[in-house]
Amino acid sequence: MASILFGSIGTVADTSELQRAAFNQAFAHHGLDWHWSQDEYRTLLEKSGGRKRIEAYAQSQGQSVDAEAIHRSKSALFQQTLQAGQIEPRSGVVATIKAAKQRNLTVALVTTTSEQNVSQMLNALSPSLSAKAFDLVVNTALIEQPKPATDAYAFALQQLSEEAGRCVAIEDNLGGLAAAQAAGLPCIAFPNQNTAHHKFAGAALQVDHLAFDQIAPFL
């Protein structure tokens, strides 16, 4: 049984600008005069990991900060936004999952974000899309190393009893693409609002709207 592996919450709902806003709110909460513009954030997203992004930015500013505490605040603020229900599924996602289920394919959400972020996003998307749509949901608590390491995909393949060649990954960022490629998965790039300008070298296909017919040739 083949599987479609959605590689991040951003492939399901475009949360990128909500996350940027949460970062900026967290900076203000911690007394920092930082403000990430959209252009600056787009560049920062070329590397994975929110906490690492904060650490690298602090170093570039010649400052020492508690990156873990700032990132916790950012996550809490982001989750509050999700609770307000300000998101909807990305174009074609619901129809693609429905088509996959009709063909008895498995569908997984293979993220390296927190369990709380995943659950709040899926709650916000319900009833259009809920956790029941996924046969497996992977979050950072279930693995050792986040993307671009292959841990999340290796765990998903093991749990689904699948081979990489019978699955396709869908990713919206370069770290996720690298993880999928390293795991031997064909990967469809589905960039979000803030990664659309990135160069998804090696992706099997790049789309701005998801459709099952695009995915089927890679399964």
C-alpha atoms as a PDB file:
ATOM      1  CA  MET A   1       0.000   0.000   0.000  1.00  0.00           C
ATOM      2  CA  ALA A   2       1.566   3.282  -1.123  1.00  0.00           C
ATOM      3  CA  SER A   3       1.648   6.373   1.082  1.00  0.00           C
ATOM      4  CA  ILE A   4       1.507  10.138   0.696  1.00  0.00           C
ATOM      5  CA  LEU A   5       3.618  11.865   3.341  1.00  0.00           C
ATOM      6  CA  PHE A   6       2.813  15.510   4.065  1.00  0.00           C
ATOM      7  CA  GLY A   7       6.094  16.812   5.430  1.00  0.00           C
ATOM      8  CA  SER A   8       5.045  19.787   7.550  1.00  0.00           C
ATOM      9  CA  ILE A   9       2.056  21.654   8.870  1.00  0.00           C
ATOM     10  CA  GLY A  10       2.845  24.221   6.183  1.00  0.00           C
ATOM     11  CA  THR A  11       1.979  21.736   3.452  1.00  0.00           C
ATOM     12  CA  VAL A  12      -1.512  21.396   4.933  1.00  0.00           C
ATOM     13  CA  ALA A  13      -2.216  25.026   5.885  1.00  0.00           C
ATOM     14  CA  ASP A  14      -0.105  28.067   5.026  1.00  0.00           C
ATOM     15  CA  THR A  15       0.859  29.182   8.516  1.00  0.00           C
ATOM     16  CA  SER A  16       4.075  30.949   7.546  1.00  0.00           C
ATOM     17  CA  GLU A  17       2.955  34.542   8.076  1.00  0.00           C
ATOM     18  CA  LEU A  18       1.221  33.594  11.330  1.00  0.00           C
ATOM     19  CA  GLN A  19       4.490  32.132  12.527  1.00  0.00           C
ATOM     20  CA  ARG A  20       6.456  35.237  11.539  1.00  0.00           C
ATOM     21  CA  ALA A  21       4.006  37.368  13.502  1.00  0.00           C
ATOM     22  CA  ALA A  22       4.386  35.061  16.501  1.00  0.00           C
ATOM     23  CA  PHE A  23       8.182  35.371  16.343  1.00  0.00           C
ATOM     24  CA  ASN A  24       7.944  39.165  16.338  1.00  0.00           C
ATOM     25  CA  GLN A  25       5.467  39.143  19.241  1.00  0.00           C
ATOM     26  CA  ALA A  26       7.794  36.838  21.181  1.00  0.00           C
ATOM     27  CA  PHE A  27      10.744  39.145  20.582  1.00  0.00           C
ATOM     28  CA  ALA A  28       8.768  42.084  21.992  1.00  0.00           C
ATOM     29  CA  HIS A  29       7.642  39.963  24.955  1.00  0.00           C
ATOM     30  CA  HIS A  30      11.287  39.239  25.796  1.00  0.00           C
ATOM     31  CA  GLY A  31      12.322  42.890  25.510  1.00  0.00           C
ATOM     32  CA  LEU A  32      14.130  42.560  22.187  1.00  0.00           C
ATOM     33  CA  ASP A  33      13.962  45.244  19.504  1.00  0.00           C
ATOM     34  CA  TRP A  34      14.119  42.632  16.746  1.00  0.00           C
ATOM     35  CA  HIS A  35      11.537  42.627  13.990  1.00  0.00           C
ATOM     36  CA  TRP A  36      11.706  40.136  11.137  1.00  0.00           C
ATOM     37  CA  SER A  37      10.326  41.667   7.949  1.00  0.00           C
ATOM     38  CA  GLN A  38       8.755  39.345   5.415  1.00  0.00           C
ATOM     39  CA  ASP A  39      11.777  39.605   3.117  1.00  0.00           C
ATOM     40  CA  GLU A  40      14.161  38.876   5.987  1.00  0.00           C
ATOM     41  CA  TYR A  41      12.030  35.967   7.179  1.00  0.00           C
ATOM     42  CA  ARG A  42      12.007  34.455   3.701  1.00  0.00           C
ATOM     43  CA  THR A  43      15.794  34.341   3.794  1.00  0.00           C
ATOM     44  CA  LEU A  44      15.849  32.944   7.333  1.00  0.00           C
ATOM     45  CA  LEU A  45      13.518  30.118   6.255  1.00  0.00           C
ATOM     46  CA  GLU A  46      16.218  28.721   3.992  1.00  0.00           C
ATOM     47  CA  LYS A  47      17.398  26.878   7.114  1.00  0.00           C
ATOM     48  CA  SER A  48      15.224  24.669   9.321  1.00  0.00           C
ATOM     49  CA  GLY A  49      14.451  25.014  13.015  1.00  0.00           C
ATOM     50  CA  GLY A  50      12.908  27.970  14.810  1.00  0.00           C
ATOM     51  CA  ARG A  51      15.150  27.812  17.878  1.00  0.00           C
ATOM     52  CA  LYS A  52      18.279  27.504  15.737  1.00  0.00           C
ATOM     53  CA  ARG A  53      17.052  30.430  13.672  1.00  0.00           C
ATOM     54  CA  ILE A  54      16.806  32.555  16.827  1.00  0.00           C
ATOM     55  CA  GLU A  55      20.278  31.490  17.968  1.00  0.00           C
ATOM     56  CA  ALA A  56      21.837  32.305  14.600  1.00  0.00           C
ATOM     57  CA  TYR A  57      20.107  35.683  14.454  1.00  0.00           C
ATOM     58  CA  ALA A  58      21.252  36.585  17.973  1.00  0.00           C
ATOM     59  CA  GLN A  59      24.809  35.714  17.005  1.00  0.00           C
ATOM     60  CA  SER A  60      24.548  37.891  13.905  1.00  0.00           C
ATOM     61  CA  GLN A  61      23.420  40.776  16.160  1.00  0.00           C
ATOM     62  CA  GLY A  62      26.200  40.177  18.668  1.00  0.00           C
ATOM     63  CA  GLN A  63      23.678  39.349  21.383  1.00  0.00           C
ATOM     64  CA  SER A  64      23.179  36.505  23.838  1.00  0.00           C
ATOM     65  CA  VAL A  65      19.587  35.376  24.391  1.00  0.00           C
ATOM     66  CA  ASP A  66      17.636  32.470  25.832  1.00  0.00           C
ATOM     67  CA  ALA A  67      16.602  31.026  22.480  1.00  0.00           C
ATOM     68  CA  GLU A  68      14.675  28.180  24.075  1.00  0.00           C
ATOM     69  CA  ALA A  69      12.528  30.544  26.154  1.00  0.00           C
ATOM     70  CA  ILE A  70      11.878  32.823  23.184  1.00  0.00           C
ATOM     71  CA  HIS A  71      10.892  29.868  21.045  1.00  0.00           C
ATOM     72  CA  ARG A  72       8.507  28.600  23.747  1.00  0.00           C
ATOM     73  CA  SER A  73       6.848  32.015  23.801  1.00  0.00           C
ATOM     74  CA  LYS A  74       6.630  32.033  20.010  1.00  0.00           C
ATOM     75  CA  SER A  75       4.983  28.596  20.020  1.00  0.00           C
ATOM     76  CA  ALA A  76       2.433  29.644  22.649  1.00  0.00           C
ATOM     77  CA  LEU A  77       1.554  32.792  20.696  1.00  0.00           C
ATOM     78  CA  PHE A  78       1.274  30.822  17.456  1.00  0.00           C
ATOM     79  CA  GLN A  79      -1.037  28.305  19.105  1.00  0.00           C
ATOM     80  CA  GLN A  80      -3.241  31.119  20.408  1.00  0.00           C
ATOM     81  CA  THR A  81      -3.601  32.355  16.846  1.00  0.00           C
ATOM     82  CA  LEU A  82      -4.546  28.871  15.680  1.00  0.00           C
ATOM     83  CA  GLN A  83      -7.162  28.649  18.416  1.00  0.00           C
ATOM     84  CA  ALA A  84      -8.747  31.769  16.924  1.00  0.00           C
ATOM     85  CA  GLY A  85      -9.346  29.736  13.746  1.00  0.00           C
ATOM     86  CA  GLN A  86      -7.548  31.990  11.282  1.00  0.00           C
ATOM     87  CA  ILE A  87      -6.436  29.267   8.858  1.00  0.00           C
ATOM     88  CA  GLU A  88      -7.878  26.999   6.202  1.00  0.00           C
ATOM     89  CA  PRO A  89      -6.513  24.025   4.226  1.00  0.00           C
ATOM     90  CA  ARG A  90      -4.210  24.836   1.344  1.00  0.00           C
ATOM     91  CA  SER A  91      -5.440  24.599  -2.219  1.00  0.00           C
ATOM     92  CA  GLY A  92      -6.187  21.016  -3.237  1.00  0.00           C
ATOM     93  CA  VAL A  93      -5.130  19.374   0.025  1.00  0.00           C
ATOM     94  CA  VAL A  94      -8.551  18.126   1.144  1.00  0.00           C
ATOM     95  CA  ALA A  95      -9.425  16.801  -2.325  1.00  0.00           C
ATOM     96  CA  THR A  96      -6.036  15.084  -2.630  1.00  0.00           C
ATOM     97  CA  ILE A  97      -6.409  13.315   0.713  1.00  0.00           C
ATOM     98  CA  LYS A  98      -9.951  12.277  -0.182  1.00  0.00           C
ATOM     99  CA  ALA A  99      -8.764  10.840  -3.522  1.00  0.00           C
ATOM    100  CA  ALA A 100      -5.951   8.955  -1.791  1.00  0.00           C
ATOM    101  CA  LYS A 101      -8.355   7.420   0.720  1.00  0.00           C
ATOM    102  CA  GLN A 102     -10.710   6.361  -2.062  1.00  0.00           C
ATOM    103  CA  ARG A 103      -7.789   4.423  -3.553  1.00  0.00           C
ATOM    104  CA  ASN A 104      -6.915   2.817  -0.204  1.00  0.00           C
ATOM    105  CA  LEU A 105      -3.630   4.693   0.097  1.00  0.00           C
ATOM    106  CA  THR A 106      -2.274   5.709   3.479  1.00  0.00           C
ATOM    107  CA  VAL A 107      -1.729   9.375   4.304  1.00  0.00           C
ATOM    108  CA  ALA A 108       0.672  10.635   6.972  1.00  0.00           C
ATOM    109  CA  LEU A 109       1.677  13.986   8.416  1.00  0.00           C
ATOM    110  CA  VAL A 110       5.426  13.782   9.014  1.00  0.00           C
ATOM    111  CA  THR A 111       6.495  16.930  10.844  1.00  0.00           C
ATOM    112  CA  THR A 112       9.273  17.890  13.218  1.00  0.00           C
ATOM    113  CA  THR A 113       7.244  20.545  14.974  1.00  0.00           C
ATOM    114  CA  SER A 114       5.670  20.089  18.394  1.00  0.00           C
ATOM    115  CA  GLU A 115       2.681  17.899  19.126  1.00  0.00           C
ATOM    116  CA  GLN A 116       0.859  20.996  20.397  1.00  0.00           C
ATOM    117  CA  ASN A 117       1.399  22.890  17.136  1.00  0.00           C
ATOM    118  CA  VAL A 118       0.120  19.937  15.131  1.00  0.00           C
ATOM    119  CA  SER A 119      -2.949  19.348  17.271  1.00  0.00           C
ATOM    120  CA  GLN A 120      -3.886  23.044  17.404  1.00  0.00           C
ATOM    121  CA  MET A 121      -3.554  23.337  13.628  1.00  0.00           C
ATOM    122  CA  LEU A 122      -5.736  20.288  12.998  1.00  0.00           C
ATOM    123  CA  ASN A 123      -8.305  21.521  15.524  1.00  0.00           C
ATOM    124  CA  ALA A 124      -8.403  24.853  13.714  1.00  0.00           C
ATOM    125  CA  LEU A 125      -8.920  23.151  10.343  1.00  0.00           C
ATOM    126  CA  SER A 126     -11.727  20.886  11.563  1.00  0.00           C
ATOM    127  CA  PRO A 127     -14.196  19.901  10.198  1.00  0.00           C
ATOM    128  CA  SER A 128     -12.635  20.494   6.761  1.00  0.00           C
ATOM    129  CA  LEU A 129      -9.620  18.470   7.832  1.00  0.00           C
ATOM    130  CA  SER A 130      -8.873  16.717  11.120  1.00  0.00           C
ATOM    131  CA  ALA A 131      -6.444  14.238  12.624  1.00  0.00           C
ATOM    132  CA  LYS A 132      -8.724  11.433  11.427  1.00  0.00           C
ATOM    133  CA  ALA A 133      -7.611  12.174   7.865  1.00  0.00           C
ATOM    134  CA  PHE A 134      -4.117  10.884   8.673  1.00  0.00           C
ATOM    135  CA  ASP A 135      -3.118   7.289   9.288  1.00  0.00           C
ATOM    136  CA  LEU A 136      -0.030   8.523  11.135  1.00  0.00           C
ATOM    137  CA  VAL A 137       1.016  11.865  12.616  1.00  0.00           C
ATOM    138  CA  VAL A 138       4.694  12.359  13.466  1.00  0.00           C
ATOM    139  CA  ASN A 139       5.908  15.192  15.689  1.00  0.00           C
ATOM    140  CA  THR A 140       9.212  16.167  17.237  1.00  0.00           C
ATOM    141  CA  ALA A 141       8.595  14.204  20.454  1.00  0.00           C
ATOM    142  CA  LEU A 142       8.721  10.931  18.515  1.00  0.00           C
ATOM    143  CA  ILE A 143      12.167  11.379  16.965  1.00  0.00           C
ATOM    144  CA  GLU A 144      15.713  12.298  17.957  1.00  0.00           C
ATOM    145  CA  GLN A 145      16.844  14.682  15.223  1.00  0.00           C
ATOM    146  CA  PRO A 146      14.620  17.177  13.349  1.00  0.00           C
ATOM    147  CA  LYS A 147      14.794  17.756   9.622  1.00  0.00           C
ATOM    148  CA  PRO A 148      16.968  17.985   7.573  1.00  0.00           C
ATOM    149  CA  ALA A 149      17.900  14.729   9.339  1.00  0.00           C
ATOM    150  CA  THR A 150      15.962  11.715   8.053  1.00  0.00           C
ATOM    151  CA  ASP A 151      14.629  10.578  11.459  1.00  0.00           C
ATOM    152  CA  ALA A 152      11.024  11.662  10.877  1.00  0.00           C
ATOM    153  CA  TYR A 153      10.759   9.917   7.524  1.00  0.00           C
ATOM    154  CA  ALA A 154      12.565   6.808   8.740  1.00  0.00           C
ATOM    155  CA  PHE A 155      10.144   6.605  11.678  1.00  0.00           C
ATOM    156  CA  ALA A 156       7.120   7.090   9.411  1.00  0.00           C
ATOM    157  CA  LEU A 157       8.230   4.426   6.940  1.00  0.00           C
ATOM    158  CA  GLN A 158       8.829   1.983   9.781  1.00  0.00           C
ATOM    159  CA  GLN A 159       5.459   2.675  11.394  1.00  0.00           C
ATOM    160  CA  LEU A 160       3.637   2.330   8.071  1.00  0.00           C
ATOM    161  CA  SER A 161       5.681  -0.740   7.003  1.00  0.00           C
ATOM    162  CA  GLU A 162       6.434   1.056   3.767  1.00  0.00           C
ATOM    163  CA  GLU A 163       9.390   1.301   1.399  1.00  0.00           C
ATOM    164  CA  ALA A 164      10.566   4.756   0.357  1.00  0.00           C
ATOM    165  CA  GLY A 165      10.122   3.947  -3.328  1.00  0.00           C
ATOM    166  CA  ARG A 166       6.401   3.343  -2.826  1.00  0.00           C
ATOM    167  CA  CYS A 167       5.784   6.704  -1.175  1.00  0.00           C
ATOM    168  CA  VAL A 168       5.925  10.368  -2.073  1.00  0.00           C
ATOM    169  CA  ALA A 169       6.755  13.276   0.229  1.00  0.00           C
ATOM    170  CA  ILE A 170       5.246  16.736  -0.032  1.00  0.00           C
ATOM    171  CA  GLU A 171       7.399  19.529   1.400  1.00  0.00           C
ATOM    172  CA  ASP A 172       7.221  23.312   1.580  1.00  0.00           C
ATOM    173  CA  ASN A 173      10.770  24.101   2.687  1.00  0.00           C
ATOM    174  CA  LEU A 174      14.358  23.262   1.787  1.00  0.00           C
ATOM    175  CA  GLY A 175      15.146  21.391   5.005  1.00  0.00           C
ATOM    176  CA  GLY A 176      12.175  19.129   4.444  1.00  0.00           C
ATOM    177  CA  LEU A 177      13.184  18.527   0.831  1.00  0.00           C
ATOM    178  CA  ALA A 178      16.697  17.580   1.945  1.00  0.00           C
ATOM    179  CA  ALA A 179      15.295  15.146   4.522  1.00  0.00           C
ATOM    180  CA  ALA A 180      13.009  13.512   1.965  1.00  0.00           C
ATOM    181  CA  GLN A 181      15.797  13.186  -0.586  1.00  0.00           C
ATOM    182  CA  ALA A 182      18.174  11.689   1.984  1.00  0.00           C
ATOM    183  CA  ALA A 183      15.479   9.169   2.942  1.00  0.00           C
ATOM    184  CA  GLY A 184      15.145   8.096  -0.687  1.00  0.00           C
ATOM    185  CA  LEU A 185      11.691   9.595  -1.194  1.00  0.00           C
ATOM    186  CA  PRO A 186      10.547  11.367  -4.333  1.00  0.00           C
ATOM    187  CA  CYS A 187       9.462  14.796  -3.178  1.00  0.00           C
ATOM    188  CA  ILE A 188       6.917  17.243  -4.537  1.00  0.00           C
ATOM    189  CA  ALA A 189       7.717  20.832  -3.597  1.00  0.00           C
ATOM    190  CA  PHE A 190       4.610  22.725  -2.475  1.00  0.00           C
ATOM    191  CA  PRO A 191       6.088  26.057  -1.355  1.00  0.00           C
ATOM    192  CA  ASN A 192       4.246  28.332   1.024  1.00  0.00           C
ATOM    193  CA  GLN A 193       3.847  32.094   0.849  1.00  0.00           C
ATOM    194  CA  ASN A 194       7.338  32.679   2.202  1.00  0.00           C
ATOM    195  CA  THR A 195       9.288  29.884   0.507  1.00  0.00           C
ATOM    196  CA  ALA A 196       7.968  30.283  -3.042  1.00  0.00           C
ATOM    197  CA  HIS A 197      11.199  31.984  -4.159  1.00  0.00           C
ATOM    198  CA  HIS A 198      13.445  29.203  -2.805  1.00  0.00           C
ATOM    199  CA  LYS A 199      15.243  26.903  -5.251  1.00  0.00           C
ATOM    200  CA  PHE A 200      13.850  23.406  -4.684  1.00  0.00           C
ATOM    201  CA  ALA A 201      16.647  21.666  -6.569  1.00  0.00           C
ATOM    202  CA  GLY A 202      16.070  17.953  -6.945  1.00  0.00           C
ATOM    203  CA  ALA A 203      12.333  18.059  -6.296  1.00  0.00           C
ATOM    204  CA  ALA A 204      10.416  15.676  -8.543  1.00  0.00           C
ATOM    205  CA  LEU A 205       7.882  18.428  -9.202  1.00  0.00           C
ATOM    206  CA  GLN A 206       7.009  21.901  -7.909  1.00  0.00           C
ATOM    207  CA  VAL A 207       3.360  22.979  -7.652  1.00  0.00           C
ATOM    208  CA  ASP A 208       1.275  25.809  -6.235  1.00  0.00           C
ATOM    209  CA  HIS A 209      -1.909  23.722  -6.121  1.00  0.00           C
ATOM    210  CA  LEU A 210      -2.066  20.116  -5.001  1.00  0.00           C
ATOM    211  CA  ALA A 211      -3.914  17.458  -7.002  1.00  0.00           C
ATOM    212  CA  PHE A 212      -3.868  13.677  -6.754  1.00  0.00           C
ATOM    213  CA  ASP A 213      -3.149  13.325 -10.479  1.00  0.00           C
ATOM    214  CA  GLN A 214       0.157  15.151  -9.905  1.00  0.00           C
ATOM    215  CA  ILE A 215       1.164  12.742  -7.163  1.00  0.00           C
ATOM    216  CA  ALA A 216       0.034   9.444  -8.696  1.00  0.00           C
ATOM    217  CA  PRO A 217       2.982   9.055 -11.145  1.00  0.00           C
ATOM    218  CA  PHE A 218       5.423   8.996  -8.220  1.00  0.00           C
ATOM    219  CA  LEU A 219       3.657   6.293  -6.212  1.00  0.00           C
END
